[in-house]
PDB file of N, CA and C in Angstrom:
ATOM      1  N   MET A   1      24.912 -13.779  34.110  1.00  0.00           N
ATOM      2  CA  MET A   1      24.137 -12.674  33.586  1.00  0.00           C
ATOM      3  C   MET A   1      25.008 -11.423  33.618  1.00  0.00           C
ATOM      4  N   SER A   2      25.018 -10.659  32.533  1.00  0.00           N
ATOM      5  CA  SER A   2      25.817  -9.439  32.478  1.00  0.00           C
ATOM      6  C   SER A   2      25.104  -8.306  33.214  1.00  0.00           C
ATOM      7  N   GLU A   3      25.840  -7.213  33.457  1.00  0.00           N
ATOM      8  CA  GLU A   3      25.237  -6.055  34.124  1.00  0.00           C
ATOM      9  C   GLU A   3      24.069  -5.506  33.322  1.00  0.00           C
ATOM     10  N   ASP A   4      24.216  -5.474  32.000  1.00  0.00           N
ATOM     11  CA  ASP A   4      23.158  -4.952  31.137  1.00  0.00           C
ATOM     12  C   ASP A   4      21.896  -5.812  31.248  1.00  0.00           C
ATOM     13  N   ASP A   5      22.068  -7.140  31.280  1.00  0.00           N
ATOM     14  CA  ASP A   5      20.922  -8.039  31.418  1.00  0.00           C
ATOM     15  C   ASP A   5      20.236  -7.846  32.765  1.00  0.00           C
ATOM     16  N   GLU A   6      21.027  -7.688  33.829  1.00  0.00           N
ATOM     17  CA  GLU A   6      20.465  -7.482  35.160  1.00  0.00           C
ATOM     18  C   GLU A   6      19.695  -6.170  35.231  1.00  0.00           C
ATOM     19  N   ARG A   7      20.222  -5.120  34.588  1.00  0.00           N
ATOM     20  CA  ARG A   7      19.557  -3.819  34.589  1.00  0.00           C
ATOM     21  C   ARG A   7      18.206  -3.919  33.874  1.00  0.00           C
ATOM     22  N   ARG A   8      18.186  -4.600  32.713  1.00  0.00           N
ATOM     23  CA  ARG A   8      16.936  -4.761  31.968  1.00  0.00           C
ATOM     24  C   ARG A   8      15.934  -5.591  32.757  1.00  0.00           C
ATOM     25  N   ALA A   9      16.370  -6.655  33.396  1.00  0.00           N
ATOM     26  CA  ALA A   9      15.479  -7.505  34.179  1.00  0.00           C
ATOM     27  C   ALA A   9      14.917  -6.737  35.363  1.00  0.00           C
ATOM     28  N   GLY A  10      15.710  -5.883  35.968  1.00  0.00           N
ATOM     29  CA  GLY A  10      15.252  -5.095  37.105  1.00  0.00           C
ATOM     30  C   GLY A  10      14.189  -4.092  36.721  1.00  0.00           C
ATOM     31  N   THR A  11      14.344  -3.412  35.588  1.00  0.00           N
ATOM     32  CA  THR A  11      13.348  -2.420  35.189  1.00  0.00           C
ATOM     33  C   THR A  11      12.044  -3.085  34.795  1.00  0.00           C
ATOM     34  N   ALA A  12      12.084  -4.255  34.170  1.00  0.00           N
ATOM     35  CA  ALA A  12      10.852  -4.945  33.794  1.00  0.00           C
ATOM     36  C   ALA A  12      10.134  -5.463  35.033  1.00  0.00           C
ATOM     37  N   ALA A  13      10.892  -5.973  36.014  1.00  0.00           N
ATOM     38  CA  ALA A  13      10.288  -6.496  37.230  1.00  0.00           C
ATOM     39  C   ALA A  13       9.708  -5.381  38.088  1.00  0.00           C
ATOM     40  N   ASP A  14      10.305  -4.185  38.015  1.00  0.00           N
ATOM     41  CA  ASP A  14       9.821  -3.060  38.803  1.00  0.00           C
ATOM     42  C   ASP A  14       8.550  -2.450  38.227  1.00  0.00           C
ATOM     43  N   GLY A  15       8.178  -2.830  37.021  1.00  0.00           N
ATOM     44  CA  GLY A  15       6.993  -2.271  36.393  1.00  0.00           C
ATOM     45  C   GLY A  15       7.285  -1.026  35.591  1.00  0.00           C
ATOM     46  N   GLY A  16       8.522  -0.642  35.490  1.00  0.00           N
ATOM     47  CA  GLY A  16       8.881   0.544  34.730  1.00  0.00           C
ATOM     48  C   GLY A  16       9.689   0.168  33.517  1.00  0.00           C
ATOM     49  N   GLY A  17      10.085   1.150  32.770  1.00  0.00           N
ATOM     50  CA  GLY A  17      10.935   0.898  31.614  1.00  0.00           C
ATOM     51  C   GLY A  17      10.213   0.167  30.516  1.00  0.00           C
ATOM     52  N   ASP A  18      10.877  -0.821  29.929  1.00  0.00           N
ATOM     53  CA  ASP A  18      10.322  -1.534  28.787  1.00  0.00           C
ATOM     54  C   ASP A  18       9.290  -2.588  29.173  1.00  0.00           C
ATOM     55  N   GLY A  19       9.115  -2.866  30.438  1.00  0.00           N
ATOM     56  CA  GLY A  19       8.188  -3.909  30.852  1.00  0.00           C
ATOM     57  C   GLY A  19       6.729  -3.570  30.647  1.00  0.00           C
ATOM     58  N   ASP A  20       6.390  -2.288  30.472  1.00  0.00           N
ATOM     59  CA  ASP A  20       4.982  -1.914  30.360  1.00  0.00           C
ATOM     60  C   ASP A  20       4.609  -1.447  28.961  1.00  0.00           C
ATOM     61  N   TYR A  21       5.364  -1.814  27.965  1.00  0.00           N
ATOM     62  CA  TYR A  21       5.102  -1.369  26.603  1.00  0.00           C
ATOM     63  C   TYR A  21       3.883  -2.040  25.989  1.00  0.00           C
ATOM     64  N   CYS A  22       3.375  -3.080  26.578  1.00  0.00           N
ATOM     65  CA  CYS A  22       2.335  -3.881  25.949  1.00  0.00           C
ATOM     66  C   CYS A  22       0.941  -3.647  26.532  1.00  0.00           C
ATOM     67  N   LEU A  23       0.777  -2.667  27.379  1.00  0.00           N
ATOM     68  CA  LEU A  23      -0.528  -2.418  27.969  1.00  0.00           C
ATOM     69  C   LEU A  23      -1.442  -1.784  26.931  1.00  0.00           C
ATOM     70  N   ILE A  24      -2.616  -2.371  26.756  1.00  0.00           N
ATOM     71  CA  ILE A  24      -3.566  -1.886  25.765  1.00  0.00           C
ATOM     72  C   ILE A  24      -4.876  -1.573  26.474  1.00  0.00           C
ATOM     73  N   ASP A  25      -5.366  -0.367  26.272  1.00  0.00           N
ATOM     74  CA  ASP A  25      -6.641   0.024  26.842  1.00  0.00           C
ATOM     75  C   ASP A  25      -7.655   0.064  25.709  1.00  0.00           C
ATOM     76  N   THR A  26      -8.596  -0.864  25.710  1.00  0.00           N
ATOM     77  CA  THR A  26      -9.577  -0.919  24.638  1.00  0.00           C
ATOM     78  C   THR A  26     -10.961  -0.625  25.177  1.00  0.00           C
ATOM     79  N   ALA A  27     -11.746   0.025  24.363  1.00  0.00           N
ATOM     80  CA  ALA A  27     -13.130   0.306  24.737  1.00  0.00           C
ATOM     81  C   ALA A  27     -13.961  -0.950  24.518  1.00  0.00           C
ATOM     82  N   ARG A  28     -14.844  -1.230  25.456  1.00  0.00           N
ATOM     83  CA  ARG A  28     -15.703  -2.403  25.344  1.00  0.00           C
ATOM     84  C   ARG A  28     -17.147  -1.942  25.284  1.00  0.00           C
ATOM     85  N   PRO A  29     -17.987  -2.675  24.567  1.00  0.00           N
ATOM     86  CA  PRO A  29     -19.400  -2.312  24.515  1.00  0.00           C
ATOM     87  C   PRO A  29     -20.059  -2.542  25.869  1.00  0.00           C
ATOM     88  N   PRO A  30     -21.157  -1.853  26.142  1.00  0.00           N
ATOM     89  CA  PRO A  30     -21.844  -2.053  27.424  1.00  0.00           C
ATOM     90  C   PRO A  30     -22.468  -3.440  27.498  1.00  0.00           C
ATOM     91  N   ARG A  31     -22.518  -4.011  28.687  1.00  0.00           N
ATOM     92  CA  ARG A  31     -23.127  -5.332  28.863  1.00  0.00           C
ATOM     93  C   ARG A  31     -24.650  -5.203  28.799  1.00  0.00           C
ATOM     94  N   ALA A  32     -25.283  -6.218  28.253  1.00  0.00           N
ATOM     95  CA  ALA A  32     -26.741  -6.229  28.137  1.00  0.00           C
ATOM     96  C   ALA A  32     -27.359  -6.665  29.458  1.00  0.00           C
ATOM     97  N   ASP A  33     -28.482  -6.046  29.809  1.00  0.00           N
ATOM     98  CA  ASP A  33     -29.206  -6.445  31.019  1.00  0.00           C
ATOM     99  C   ASP A  33     -29.994  -7.729  30.793  1.00  0.00           C
ATOM    100  N   GLY A  34     -30.346  -7.993  29.562  1.00  0.00           N
ATOM    101  CA  GLY A  34     -31.113  -9.188  29.221  1.00  0.00           C
ATOM    102  C   GLY A  34     -31.244  -9.304  27.721  1.00  0.00           C
ATOM    103  N   PRO A  35     -31.986 -10.317  27.262  1.00  0.00           N
ATOM    104  CA  PRO A  35     -32.145 -10.499  25.816  1.00  0.00           C
ATOM    105  C   PRO A  35     -32.799  -9.274  25.183  1.00  0.00           C
ATOM    106  N   PRO A  36     -32.621  -9.033  23.916  1.00  0.00           N
ATOM    107  CA  PRO A  36     -31.886  -9.807  22.923  1.00  0.00           C
ATOM    108  C   PRO A  36     -30.391  -9.502  22.964  1.00  0.00           C
ATOM    109  N   TYR A  37     -29.591 -10.519  22.774  1.00  0.00           N
ATOM    110  CA  TYR A  37     -28.142 -10.383  22.771  1.00  0.00           C
ATOM    111  C   TYR A  37     -27.621 -10.326  21.335  1.00  0.00           C
ATOM    112  N   ALA A  38     -26.515  -9.633  21.146  1.00  0.00           N
ATOM    113  CA  ALA A  38     -25.880  -9.564  19.827  1.00  0.00           C
ATOM    114  C   ALA A  38     -25.219 -10.904  19.519  1.00  0.00           C
ATOM    115  N   GLU A  39     -25.100 -11.233  18.236  1.00  0.00           N
ATOM    116  CA  GLU A  39     -24.414 -12.455  17.814  1.00  0.00           C
ATOM    117  C   GLU A  39     -22.920 -12.200  17.704  1.00  0.00           C
ATOM    118  N   CYS A  40     -22.127 -13.216  18.011  1.00  0.00           N
ATOM    119  CA  CYS A  40     -20.682 -13.158  17.801  1.00  0.00           C
ATOM    120  C   CYS A  40     -20.423 -13.103  16.301  1.00  0.00           C
ATOM    121  N   VAL A  41     -19.538 -12.224  15.874  1.00  0.00           N
ATOM    122  CA  VAL A  41     -19.262 -12.088  14.443  1.00  0.00           C
ATOM    123  C   VAL A  41     -18.439 -13.256  13.896  1.00  0.00           C
ATOM    124  N   LEU A  42     -17.849 -14.066  14.763  1.00  0.00           N
ATOM    125  CA  LEU A  42     -17.043 -15.201  14.306  1.00  0.00           C
ATOM    126  C   LEU A  42     -17.813 -16.515  14.324  1.00  0.00           C
ATOM    127  N   CYS A  43     -18.490 -16.817  15.433  1.00  0.00           N
ATOM    128  CA  CYS A  43     -19.157 -18.122  15.555  1.00  0.00           C
ATOM    129  C   CYS A  43     -20.682 -18.020  15.607  1.00  0.00           C
ATOM    130  N   ARG A  44     -21.222 -16.821  15.650  1.00  0.00           N
ATOM    131  CA  ARG A  44     -22.656 -16.532  15.651  1.00  0.00           C
ATOM    132  C   ARG A  44     -23.376 -16.981  16.922  1.00  0.00           C
ATOM    133  N   LYS A  45     -22.659 -17.279  17.997  1.00  0.00           N
ATOM    134  CA  LYS A  45     -23.281 -17.590  19.285  1.00  0.00           C
ATOM    135  C   LYS A  45     -23.644 -16.277  19.975  1.00  0.00           C
ATOM    136  N   PRO A  46     -24.574 -16.306  20.947  1.00  0.00           N
ATOM    137  CA  PRO A  46     -24.936 -15.073  21.660  1.00  0.00           C
ATOM    138  C   PRO A  46     -23.753 -14.528  22.461  1.00  0.00           C
ATOM    139  N   THR A  47     -23.670 -13.209  22.534  1.00  0.00           N
ATOM    140  CA  THR A  47     -22.618 -12.561  23.310  1.00  0.00           C
ATOM    141  C   THR A  47     -23.212 -11.998  24.595  1.00  0.00           C
ATOM    142  N   GLU A  48     -22.407 -11.286  25.356  1.00  0.00           N
ATOM    143  CA  GLU A  48     -22.870 -10.633  26.576  1.00  0.00           C
ATOM    144  C   GLU A  48     -23.349  -9.214  26.300  1.00  0.00           C
ATOM    145  N   TYR A  49     -23.379  -8.813  25.043  1.00  0.00           N
ATOM    146  CA  TYR A  49     -23.647  -7.431  24.673  1.00  0.00           C
ATOM    147  C   TYR A  49     -25.027  -7.281  24.049  1.00  0.00           C
ATOM    148  N   PRO A  50     -25.635  -6.100  24.161  1.00  0.00           N
ATOM    149  CA  PRO A  50     -26.980  -5.902  23.608  1.00  0.00           C
ATOM    150  C   PRO A  50     -26.983  -5.952  22.082  1.00  0.00           C
ATOM    151  N   LYS A  51     -28.103  -6.384  21.529  1.00  0.00           N
ATOM    152  CA  LYS A  51     -28.238  -6.483  20.075  1.00  0.00           C
ATOM    153  C   LYS A  51     -28.171  -5.109  19.423  1.00  0.00           C
ATOM    154  N   SER A  52     -28.503  -4.076  20.167  1.00  0.00           N
ATOM    155  CA  SER A  52     -28.508  -2.714  19.627  1.00  0.00           C
ATOM    156  C   SER A  52     -27.101  -2.149  19.445  1.00  0.00           C
ATOM    157  N   TYR A  53     -26.074  -2.814  19.994  1.00  0.00           N
ATOM    158  CA  TYR A  53     -24.703  -2.311  19.880  1.00  0.00           C
ATOM    159  C   TYR A  53     -24.217  -2.418  18.446  1.00  0.00           C
ATOM    160  N   LYS A  54     -23.707  -1.320  17.920  1.00  0.00           N
ATOM    161  CA  LYS A  54     -23.164  -1.301  16.561  1.00  0.00           C
ATOM    162  C   LYS A  54     -21.653  -1.476  16.643  1.00  0.00           C
ATOM    163  N   GLY A  55     -21.146  -2.480  15.993  1.00  0.00           N
ATOM    164  CA  GLY A  55     -19.709  -2.732  16.006  1.00  0.00           C
ATOM    165  C   GLY A  55     -19.432  -4.215  16.111  1.00  0.00           C
ATOM    166  N   ILE A  56     -18.169  -4.549  16.249  1.00  0.00           N
ATOM    167  CA  ILE A  56     -17.757  -5.945  16.326  1.00  0.00           C
ATOM    168  C   ILE A  56     -18.010  -6.461  17.736  1.00  0.00           C
ATOM    169  N   THR A  57     -18.778  -7.539  17.841  1.00  0.00           N
ATOM    170  CA  THR A  57     -19.038  -8.169  19.133  1.00  0.00           C
ATOM    171  C   THR A  57     -18.571  -9.618  19.067  1.00  0.00           C
ATOM    172  N   LEU A  58     -17.922 -10.058  20.123  1.00  0.00           N
ATOM    173  CA  LEU A  58     -17.413 -11.427  20.205  1.00  0.00           C
ATOM    174  C   LEU A  58     -17.987 -12.106  21.435  1.00  0.00           C
ATOM    175  N   CYS A  59     -18.247 -13.412  21.331  1.00  0.00           N
ATOM    176  CA  CYS A  59     -18.673 -14.181  22.496  1.00  0.00           C
ATOM    177  C   CYS A  59     -17.457 -14.334  23.417  1.00  0.00           C
ATOM    178  N   PRO A  60     -17.658 -14.735  24.675  1.00  0.00           N
ATOM    179  CA  PRO A  60     -16.517 -14.866  25.590  1.00  0.00           C
ATOM    180  C   PRO A  60     -15.411 -15.790  25.073  1.00  0.00           C
ATOM    181  N   VAL A  61     -15.767 -16.887  24.412  1.00  0.00           N
ATOM    182  CA  VAL A  61     -14.757 -17.829  23.911  1.00  0.00           C
ATOM    183  C   VAL A  61     -13.932 -17.185  22.801  1.00  0.00           C
ATOM    184  N   CYS A  62     -14.604 -16.585  21.820  1.00  0.00           N
ATOM    185  CA  CYS A  62     -13.884 -15.955  20.709  1.00  0.00           C
ATOM    186  C   CYS A  62     -13.084 -14.746  21.195  1.00  0.00           C
ATOM    187  N   GLU A  63     -13.622 -14.024  22.178  1.00  0.00           N
ATOM    188  CA  GLU A  63     -12.902 -12.881  22.739  1.00  0.00           C
ATOM    189  C   GLU A  63     -11.601 -13.341  23.397  1.00  0.00           C
ATOM    190  N   TRP A  64     -11.659 -14.446  24.134  1.00  0.00           N
ATOM    191  CA  TRP A  64     -10.473 -15.009  24.783  1.00  0.00           C
ATOM    192  C   TRP A  64      -9.453 -15.469  23.740  1.00  0.00           C
ATOM    193  N   GLN A  65      -9.925 -16.159  22.702  1.00  0.00           N
ATOM    194  CA  GLN A  65      -9.018 -16.637  21.660  1.00  0.00           C
ATOM    195  C   GLN A  65      -8.376 -15.475  20.907  1.00  0.00           C
ATOM    196  N   GLU A  66      -9.135 -14.422  20.645  1.00  0.00           N
ATOM    197  CA  GLU A  66      -8.593 -13.247  19.966  1.00  0.00           C
ATOM    198  C   GLU A  66      -7.538 -12.569  20.842  1.00  0.00           C
ATOM    199  N   ALA A  67      -7.785 -12.513  22.150  1.00  0.00           N
ATOM    200  CA  ALA A  67      -6.807 -11.925  23.068  1.00  0.00           C
ATOM    201  C   ALA A  67      -5.517 -12.741  23.075  1.00  0.00           C
ATOM    202  N   GLN A  68      -5.619 -14.060  23.014  1.00  0.00           N
ATOM    203  CA  GLN A  68      -4.422 -14.902  22.967  1.00  0.00           C
ATOM    204  C   GLN A  68      -3.642 -14.680  21.675  1.00  0.00           C
ATOM    205  N   ARG A  69      -4.353 -14.519  20.563  1.00  0.00           N
ATOM    206  CA  ARG A  69      -3.685 -14.313  19.277  1.00  0.00           C
ATOM    207  C   ARG A  69      -2.952 -12.982  19.223  1.00  0.00           C
ATOM    208  N   THR A  70      -3.514 -11.959  19.855  1.00  0.00           N
ATOM    209  CA  THR A  70      -2.933 -10.620  19.752  1.00  0.00           C
ATOM    210  C   THR A  70      -2.075 -10.248  20.958  1.00  0.00           C
ATOM    211  N   ALA A  71      -1.916 -11.156  21.911  1.00  0.00           N
ATOM    212  CA  ALA A  71      -1.137 -10.865  23.115  1.00  0.00           C
ATOM    213  C   ALA A  71       0.333 -10.646  22.773  1.00  0.00           C
ATOM    214  N   CYS A  72       0.969  -9.855  23.587  1.00  0.00           N
ATOM    215  CA  CYS A  72       2.403  -9.604  23.413  1.00  0.00           C
ATOM    216  C   CYS A  72       3.182 -10.875  23.731  1.00  0.00           C
ATOM    217  N   SER A  73       4.209 -11.106  23.001  1.00  0.00           N
ATOM    218  CA  SER A  73       5.004 -12.309  23.220  1.00  0.00           C
ATOM    219  C   SER A  73       6.355 -11.978  23.841  1.00  0.00           C
ATOM    220  N   GLY A  74       6.504 -10.795  24.368  1.00  0.00           N
ATOM    221  CA  GLY A  74       7.794 -10.390  24.899  1.00  0.00           C
ATOM    222  C   GLY A  74       7.785 -10.369  26.330  1.00  0.00           C
TER     223      GLY A  74
END
């Protein structure tokens, strides 16, 4: 490993430098206390969110799959 490679590996492992470029802070809808639940926009199964929420709602499975698709690959 060259000095440059070691320097890059050290900054990513330390949590600084280029290692934290992929952190995404997204707003999530409030969780529902009980029925009625909103439908998932992809599979139409019930979500954890209230039906009154306006916006895109995903069930836990579709939310997980969407996170995998959009995750950083670096």
